[in-house]
Amino acid sequence: MARTDTQALIDRMATSFAALANAGAGLSNEDLDKEIPGYGGRPTQLRAVLYYAANHTREHVNHLNKILDVTGHPAQSEAGAILDQTAQSLGALNGALLRVDDDDLARSHEDQSIKDVLEHIAGALDAFVSQVNEGTK
């Protein structure tokens, strides 16, 4: 199963989101009230633009699944559904990390820093990969 073109599109979306996150992460609540010309030239608050980005992406998750379903693509396996949930969790984690910079990595609570938690997650994912690979030998 080739995924070269698919991965290129995934990478493109990740790059586009990174640019959006970079542009929007530092906006203050006052900045979000600022109006810009939106679709059709209508005044649109920056807040609405960010909400549009979130909702538009969610809308197209459903759209993509509908295309797969109506075109006879095989149903998602249980493993695929679990990985889908993992990807959603990592998306939520990436969202939480938008407010974190290098200076925040040392912030800690109950003897764990943000850096400790992130290293733990990365190590656990590496261990899960090893376990799945071991289980499929």
N, C-alpha and C. Protein backbone atom coordinates (compact mmCIF):
# COMPACT_ATOMS: atom_id res chain seq x y z
N MET A 1 0.84 -1.17 0.00
CA MET A 1 0.00 0.00 0.00
C MET A 1 0.89 1.24 0.00
N ALA A 2 0.86 1.97 -1.08
CA ALA A 2 1.68 3.18 -1.22
C ALA A 2 0.99 4.36 -0.53
N ARG A 3 1.79 5.13 0.19
CA ARG A 3 1.25 6.32 0.87
C ARG A 3 2.11 7.56 0.60
N THR A 4 2.88 7.54 -0.47
CA THR A 4 3.77 8.66 -0.75
C THR A 4 2.98 9.95 -0.99
N ASP A 5 2.00 9.90 -1.88
CA ASP A 5 1.20 11.10 -2.17
C ASP A 5 0.35 11.49 -0.96
N THR A 6 -0.21 10.49 -0.28
CA THR A 6 -1.03 10.76 0.91
C THR A 6 -0.18 11.42 1.97
N GLN A 7 1.02 10.90 2.21
CA GLN A 7 1.90 11.48 3.23
C GLN A 7 2.31 12.90 2.86
N ALA A 8 2.52 13.14 1.57
CA ALA A 8 2.87 14.49 1.13
C ALA A 8 1.74 15.47 1.46
N LEU A 9 0.49 15.04 1.28
CA LEU A 9 -0.65 15.90 1.61
C LEU A 9 -0.78 16.09 3.12
N ILE A 10 -0.53 15.03 3.88
CA ILE A 10 -0.56 15.13 5.34
C ILE A 10 0.51 16.11 5.80
N ASP A 11 1.71 16.00 5.22
CA ASP A 11 2.81 16.91 5.57
C ASP A 11 2.45 18.36 5.20
N ARG A 12 1.80 18.54 4.05
CA ARG A 12 1.40 19.88 3.62
C ARG A 12 0.40 20.48 4.60
N MET A 13 -0.58 19.68 5.03
CA MET A 13 -1.56 20.17 6.00
C MET A 13 -0.87 20.51 7.33
N ALA A 14 0.10 19.68 7.75
CA ALA A 14 0.82 19.95 8.99
C ALA A 14 1.60 21.25 8.89
N THR A 15 2.21 21.49 7.74
CA THR A 15 2.95 22.74 7.53
C THR A 15 2.01 23.93 7.56
N SER A 16 0.84 23.78 6.91
CA SER A 16 -0.14 24.87 6.90
C SER A 16 -0.65 25.14 8.30
N PHE A 17 -0.91 24.08 9.07
CA PHE A 17 -1.38 24.28 10.44
C PHE A 17 -0.30 24.93 11.28
N ALA A 18 0.95 24.52 11.10
CA ALA A 18 2.05 25.13 11.87
C ALA A 18 2.11 26.63 11.59
N ALA A 19 1.89 27.02 10.34
CA ALA A 19 1.89 28.45 10.00
C ALA A 19 0.72 29.16 10.67
N LEU A 20 -0.45 28.52 10.69
CA LEU A 20 -1.62 29.11 11.35
C LEU A 20 -1.37 29.23 12.85
N ALA A 21 -0.81 28.18 13.45
CA ALA A 21 -0.52 28.20 14.88
C ALA A 21 0.49 29.30 15.21
N ASN A 22 1.49 29.44 14.36
CA ASN A 22 2.50 30.47 14.57
C ASN A 22 1.87 31.86 14.46
N ALA A 23 0.97 32.03 13.51
CA ALA A 23 0.33 33.33 13.31
C ALA A 23 -0.67 33.64 14.42
N GLY A 24 -1.34 32.61 14.94
CA GLY A 24 -2.43 32.85 15.88
C GLY A 24 -2.13 32.64 17.33
N ALA A 25 -1.08 31.91 17.65
CA ALA A 25 -0.84 31.53 19.04
C ALA A 25 -0.61 32.72 19.96
N GLY A 26 -0.04 33.78 19.46
CA GLY A 26 0.27 34.93 20.31
C GLY A 26 -0.82 35.98 20.35
N LEU A 27 -1.96 35.71 19.71
CA LEU A 27 -3.02 36.70 19.69
C LEU A 27 -3.64 36.87 21.07
N SER A 28 -3.84 38.12 21.47
CA SER A 28 -4.51 38.40 22.74
C SER A 28 -6.02 38.37 22.53
N ASN A 29 -6.77 38.39 23.62
CA ASN A 29 -8.23 38.45 23.50
C ASN A 29 -8.66 39.70 22.76
N GLU A 30 -7.94 40.80 22.97
CA GLU A 30 -8.25 42.03 22.25
C GLU A 30 -7.98 41.87 20.75
N ASP A 31 -6.89 41.19 20.42
CA ASP A 31 -6.57 40.94 19.00
C ASP A 31 -7.70 40.17 18.33
N LEU A 32 -8.30 39.23 19.06
CA LEU A 32 -9.35 38.40 18.49
C LEU A 32 -10.59 39.20 18.13
N ASP A 33 -10.77 40.36 18.75
CA ASP A 33 -11.91 41.23 18.44
C ASP A 33 -11.71 42.00 17.13
N LYS A 34 -10.46 42.07 16.66
CA LYS A 34 -10.14 42.84 15.45
C LYS A 34 -10.91 42.27 14.26
N GLU A 35 -11.45 43.16 13.45
CA GLU A 35 -12.20 42.73 12.27
C GLU A 35 -11.35 42.89 11.02
N ILE A 36 -11.48 41.92 10.16
CA ILE A 36 -10.81 41.94 8.85
C ILE A 36 -11.87 41.64 7.80
N PRO A 37 -11.59 41.93 6.54
CA PRO A 37 -12.55 41.54 5.50
C PRO A 37 -12.57 40.01 5.38
N GLY A 38 -13.73 39.42 5.56
CA GLY A 38 -13.87 37.97 5.44
C GLY A 38 -14.44 37.60 4.09
N TYR A 39 -15.07 36.43 4.02
CA TYR A 39 -15.69 35.98 2.77
C TYR A 39 -16.69 37.01 2.29
N GLY A 40 -16.63 37.34 1.02
CA GLY A 40 -17.53 38.32 0.44
C GLY A 40 -17.30 39.72 0.95
N GLY A 41 -16.15 39.97 1.59
CA GLY A 41 -15.84 41.28 2.10
C GLY A 41 -16.52 41.64 3.41
N ARG A 42 -17.29 40.69 3.98
CA ARG A 42 -17.98 40.96 5.25
C ARG A 42 -16.96 41.10 6.37
N PRO A 43 -17.19 42.06 7.27
CA PRO A 43 -16.29 42.19 8.43
C PRO A 43 -16.35 40.91 9.27
N THR A 44 -15.18 40.36 9.57
CA THR A 44 -15.09 39.11 10.31
C THR A 44 -14.03 39.25 11.39
N GLN A 45 -14.38 38.89 12.62
CA GLN A 45 -13.41 38.95 13.71
C GLN A 45 -12.37 37.85 13.54
N LEU A 46 -11.14 38.15 13.96
CA LEU A 46 -10.08 37.13 13.92
C LEU A 46 -10.49 35.90 14.73
N ARG A 47 -11.24 36.09 15.81
CA ARG A 47 -11.75 34.98 16.62
C ARG A 47 -12.53 34.01 15.72
N ALA A 48 -13.40 34.56 14.89
CA ALA A 48 -14.22 33.73 14.00
C ALA A 48 -13.34 32.97 13.00
N VAL A 49 -12.30 33.61 12.53
CA VAL A 49 -11.41 32.93 11.58
C VAL A 49 -10.80 31.68 12.22
N LEU A 50 -10.36 31.81 13.49
CA LEU A 50 -9.78 30.64 14.16
C LEU A 50 -10.84 29.56 14.40
N TYR A 51 -12.05 29.97 14.76
CA TYR A 51 -13.13 28.98 14.91
C TYR A 51 -13.46 28.32 13.58
N TYR A 52 -13.44 29.10 12.50
CA TYR A 52 -13.69 28.52 11.18
C TYR A 52 -12.66 27.44 10.87
N ALA A 53 -11.40 27.70 11.22
CA ALA A 53 -10.35 26.71 10.96
C ALA A 53 -10.63 25.41 11.70
N ALA A 54 -11.01 25.51 12.97
CA ALA A 54 -11.30 24.31 13.76
C ALA A 54 -12.52 23.57 13.22
N ASN A 55 -13.59 24.32 12.96
CA ASN A 55 -14.82 23.68 12.49
C ASN A 55 -14.69 23.13 11.09
N HIS A 56 -13.97 23.84 10.24
CA HIS A 56 -13.78 23.39 8.86
C HIS A 56 -13.06 22.05 8.82
N THR A 57 -12.03 21.91 9.66
CA THR A 57 -11.29 20.66 9.71
C THR A 57 -12.19 19.52 10.20
N ARG A 58 -12.95 19.77 11.29
CA ARG A 58 -13.87 18.73 11.80
C ARG A 58 -14.90 18.34 10.75
N GLU A 59 -15.41 19.33 10.04
CA GLU A 59 -16.40 19.07 8.99
C GLU A 59 -15.84 18.11 7.95
N HIS A 60 -14.59 18.32 7.58
CA HIS A 60 -14.02 17.50 6.52
C HIS A 60 -13.55 16.12 6.99
N VAL A 61 -13.39 15.93 8.28
CA VAL A 61 -13.18 14.57 8.79
C VAL A 61 -14.42 13.74 8.44
N ASN A 62 -15.60 14.30 8.71
CA ASN A 62 -16.84 13.62 8.37
C ASN A 62 -16.98 13.44 6.87
N HIS A 63 -16.61 14.46 6.10
CA HIS A 63 -16.68 14.41 4.65
C HIS A 63 -15.79 13.29 4.10
N LEU A 64 -14.57 13.23 4.59
CA LEU A 64 -13.63 12.20 4.15
C LEU A 64 -14.18 10.80 4.47
N ASN A 65 -14.69 10.61 5.70
CA ASN A 65 -15.26 9.30 6.06
C ASN A 65 -16.46 8.95 5.19
N LYS A 66 -17.26 9.94 4.84
CA LYS A 66 -18.42 9.69 3.97
C LYS A 66 -17.95 9.22 2.59
N ILE A 67 -16.94 9.89 2.03
CA ILE A 67 -16.41 9.48 0.73
C ILE A 67 -15.93 8.04 0.78
N LEU A 68 -15.18 7.70 1.83
CA LEU A 68 -14.67 6.34 1.96
C LEU A 68 -15.83 5.33 2.06
N ASP A 69 -16.84 5.67 2.85
CA ASP A 69 -17.97 4.75 3.04
C ASP A 69 -18.78 4.55 1.77
N VAL A 70 -19.14 5.64 1.09
CA VAL A 70 -20.02 5.51 -0.08
C VAL A 70 -19.30 4.97 -1.31
N THR A 71 -17.97 5.01 -1.30
CA THR A 71 -17.24 4.47 -2.46
C THR A 71 -16.79 3.03 -2.23
N GLY A 72 -17.28 2.42 -1.16
CA GLY A 72 -17.00 1.01 -0.93
C GLY A 72 -15.65 0.71 -0.35
N HIS A 73 -14.98 1.70 0.24
CA HIS A 73 -13.71 1.43 0.91
C HIS A 73 -13.98 0.48 2.07
N PRO A 74 -13.10 -0.48 2.29
CA PRO A 74 -13.34 -1.40 3.40
C PRO A 74 -13.51 -0.65 4.73
N ALA A 75 -14.36 -1.20 5.58
CA ALA A 75 -14.60 -0.58 6.89
C ALA A 75 -13.30 -0.52 7.68
N GLN A 76 -13.24 0.45 8.57
CA GLN A 76 -12.06 0.60 9.39
C GLN A 76 -11.96 -0.57 10.37
N SER A 77 -10.77 -1.11 10.51
CA SER A 77 -10.55 -2.21 11.45
C SER A 77 -10.55 -1.67 12.88
N GLU A 78 -10.60 -2.57 13.85
CA GLU A 78 -10.52 -2.13 15.24
C GLU A 78 -9.18 -1.45 15.50
N ALA A 79 -8.11 -2.02 14.95
CA ALA A 79 -6.79 -1.40 15.13
C ALA A 79 -6.78 0.00 14.53
N GLY A 80 -7.39 0.17 13.37
CA GLY A 80 -7.46 1.48 12.75
C GLY A 80 -8.24 2.47 13.60
N ALA A 81 -9.34 2.00 14.20
CA ALA A 81 -10.16 2.87 15.06
C ALA A 81 -9.38 3.29 16.30
N ILE A 82 -8.62 2.36 16.88
CA ILE A 82 -7.81 2.69 18.05
C ILE A 82 -6.72 3.69 17.68
N LEU A 83 -6.07 3.49 16.53
CA LEU A 83 -5.04 4.43 16.09
C LEU A 83 -5.64 5.79 15.77
N ASP A 84 -6.87 5.80 15.26
CA ASP A 84 -7.58 7.05 15.02
C ASP A 84 -7.76 7.81 16.33
N GLN A 85 -8.16 7.10 17.38
CA GLN A 85 -8.32 7.73 18.69
C GLN A 85 -6.98 8.24 19.23
N THR A 86 -5.91 7.48 18.99
CA THR A 86 -4.59 7.91 19.43
C THR A 86 -4.18 9.19 18.70
N ALA A 87 -4.44 9.23 17.40
CA ALA A 87 -4.12 10.43 16.62
C ALA A 87 -4.90 11.63 17.13
N GLN A 88 -6.17 11.41 17.49
CA GLN A 88 -6.98 12.51 18.04
C GLN A 88 -6.39 12.98 19.37
N SER A 89 -5.95 12.04 20.21
CA SER A 89 -5.34 12.41 21.49
C SER A 89 -4.05 13.20 21.27
N LEU A 90 -3.26 12.77 20.31
CA LEU A 90 -2.02 13.51 20.02
C LEU A 90 -2.34 14.89 19.45
N GLY A 91 -3.43 15.00 18.70
CA GLY A 91 -3.86 16.31 18.22
C GLY A 91 -4.23 17.23 19.38
N ALA A 92 -4.94 16.67 20.36
CA ALA A 92 -5.29 17.47 21.55
C ALA A 92 -4.03 17.86 22.31
N LEU A 93 -3.07 16.95 22.40
CA LEU A 93 -1.80 17.26 23.06
C LEU A 93 -1.07 18.37 22.32
N ASN A 94 -1.01 18.26 21.00
CA ASN A 94 -0.36 19.31 20.21
C ASN A 94 -1.05 20.65 20.40
N GLY A 95 -2.38 20.62 20.53
CA GLY A 95 -3.11 21.85 20.80
C GLY A 95 -2.71 22.46 22.13
N ALA A 96 -2.60 21.62 23.16
CA ALA A 96 -2.19 22.12 24.48
C ALA A 96 -0.77 22.68 24.43
N LEU A 97 0.05 22.13 23.57
CA LEU A 97 1.45 22.56 23.49
C LEU A 97 1.64 23.87 22.74
N LEU A 98 0.58 24.39 22.13
CA LEU A 98 0.71 25.67 21.44
C LEU A 98 1.11 26.79 22.39
N ARG A 99 0.76 26.64 23.66
CA ARG A 99 1.09 27.69 24.63
C ARG A 99 2.41 27.44 25.35
N VAL A 100 3.12 26.40 24.97
CA VAL A 100 4.37 26.02 25.63
C VAL A 100 5.56 26.42 24.76
N ASP A 101 6.53 27.07 25.38
CA ASP A 101 7.80 27.31 24.69
C ASP A 101 8.93 26.72 25.54
N ASP A 102 10.14 26.86 25.09
CA ASP A 102 11.27 26.24 25.78
C ASP A 102 11.38 26.67 27.24
N ASP A 103 11.03 27.91 27.52
CA ASP A 103 11.10 28.39 28.90
C ASP A 103 10.09 27.67 29.81
N ASP A 104 9.04 27.11 29.22
CA ASP A 104 8.01 26.43 30.01
C ASP A 104 8.35 24.97 30.32
N LEU A 105 9.31 24.40 29.63
CA LEU A 105 9.60 22.97 29.80
C LEU A 105 9.99 22.62 31.23
N ALA A 106 10.55 23.55 31.95
CA ALA A 106 10.97 23.29 33.34
C ALA A 106 9.82 23.45 34.34
N ARG A 107 8.69 23.99 33.91
CA ARG A 107 7.56 24.13 34.84
C ARG A 107 7.19 22.75 35.36
N SER A 108 6.97 22.67 36.68
CA SER A 108 6.69 21.35 37.24
C SER A 108 5.61 21.43 38.30
N HIS A 109 5.02 20.29 38.54
CA HIS A 109 4.00 20.11 39.56
C HIS A 109 4.07 18.66 39.99
N GLU A 110 4.01 18.44 41.28
CA GLU A 110 4.08 17.07 41.83
C GLU A 110 5.28 16.32 41.28
N ASP A 111 6.43 16.98 41.29
CA ASP A 111 7.71 16.39 40.91
C ASP A 111 7.81 15.95 39.45
N GLN A 112 6.97 16.50 38.56
CA GLN A 112 7.10 16.23 37.13
C GLN A 112 7.04 17.54 36.37
N SER A 113 8.02 17.73 35.50
CA SER A 113 8.02 18.93 34.67
C SER A 113 7.29 18.62 33.36
N ILE A 114 7.01 19.69 32.63
CA ILE A 114 6.41 19.50 31.31
C ILE A 114 7.35 18.68 30.44
N LYS A 115 8.65 18.96 30.53
CA LYS A 115 9.63 18.18 29.75
C LYS A 115 9.58 16.71 30.14
N ASP A 116 9.48 16.41 31.44
CA ASP A 116 9.39 15.02 31.89
C ASP A 116 8.18 14.32 31.28
N VAL A 117 7.05 15.00 31.29
CA VAL A 117 5.82 14.41 30.77
C VAL A 117 5.95 14.14 29.27
N LEU A 118 6.49 15.11 28.53
CA LEU A 118 6.63 14.93 27.08
C LEU A 118 7.63 13.82 26.76
N GLU A 119 8.73 13.77 27.50
CA GLU A 119 9.69 12.68 27.28
C GLU A 119 9.06 11.33 27.62
N HIS A 120 8.25 11.29 28.67
CA HIS A 120 7.54 10.05 29.04
C HIS A 120 6.61 9.61 27.91
N ILE A 121 5.85 10.55 27.35
CA ILE A 121 4.92 10.20 26.26
C ILE A 121 5.70 9.66 25.06
N ALA A 122 6.78 10.35 24.68
CA ALA A 122 7.58 9.90 23.53
C ALA A 122 8.16 8.51 23.79
N GLY A 123 8.69 8.29 25.00
CA GLY A 123 9.24 6.98 25.34
C GLY A 123 8.18 5.89 25.34
N ALA A 124 7.00 6.21 25.86
CA ALA A 124 5.91 5.23 25.87
C ALA A 124 5.50 4.88 24.45
N LEU A 125 5.40 5.87 23.57
CA LEU A 125 5.05 5.59 22.17
C LEU A 125 6.11 4.70 21.53
N ASP A 126 7.38 4.98 21.80
CA ASP A 126 8.46 4.12 21.28
C ASP A 126 8.31 2.69 21.79
N ALA A 127 7.98 2.55 23.07
CA ALA A 127 7.79 1.21 23.64
C ALA A 127 6.60 0.51 23.00
N PHE A 128 5.53 1.25 22.74
CA PHE A 128 4.35 0.64 22.10
C PHE A 128 4.69 0.15 20.70
N VAL A 129 5.51 0.92 19.98
CA VAL A 129 5.95 0.49 18.63
C VAL A 129 6.71 -0.82 18.75
N SER A 130 7.64 -0.91 19.69
CA SER A 130 8.42 -2.14 19.89
C SER A 130 7.52 -3.31 20.23
N GLN A 131 6.54 -3.07 21.10
CA GLN A 131 5.63 -4.15 21.50
C GLN A 131 4.79 -4.63 20.32
N VAL A 132 4.29 -3.70 19.52
CA VAL A 132 3.49 -4.10 18.34
C VAL A 132 4.37 -4.86 17.36
N ASN A 133 5.59 -4.35 17.14
CA ASN A 133 6.50 -5.06 16.23
C ASN A 133 6.83 -6.45 16.75
N GLU A 134 7.04 -6.59 18.05
CA GLU A 134 7.30 -7.91 18.65
C GLU A 134 6.10 -8.83 18.48
N GLY A 135 4.92 -8.27 18.66
CA GLY A 135 3.71 -9.06 18.56
C GLY A 135 3.35 -9.49 17.15
N THR A 136 3.97 -8.86 16.17
CA THR A 136 3.65 -9.20 14.77
C THR A 136 4.77 -9.94 14.07
N LYS A 137 5.75 -10.43 14.87
CA LYS A 137 6.85 -11.22 14.27
C LYS A 137 6.35 -12.58 13.85
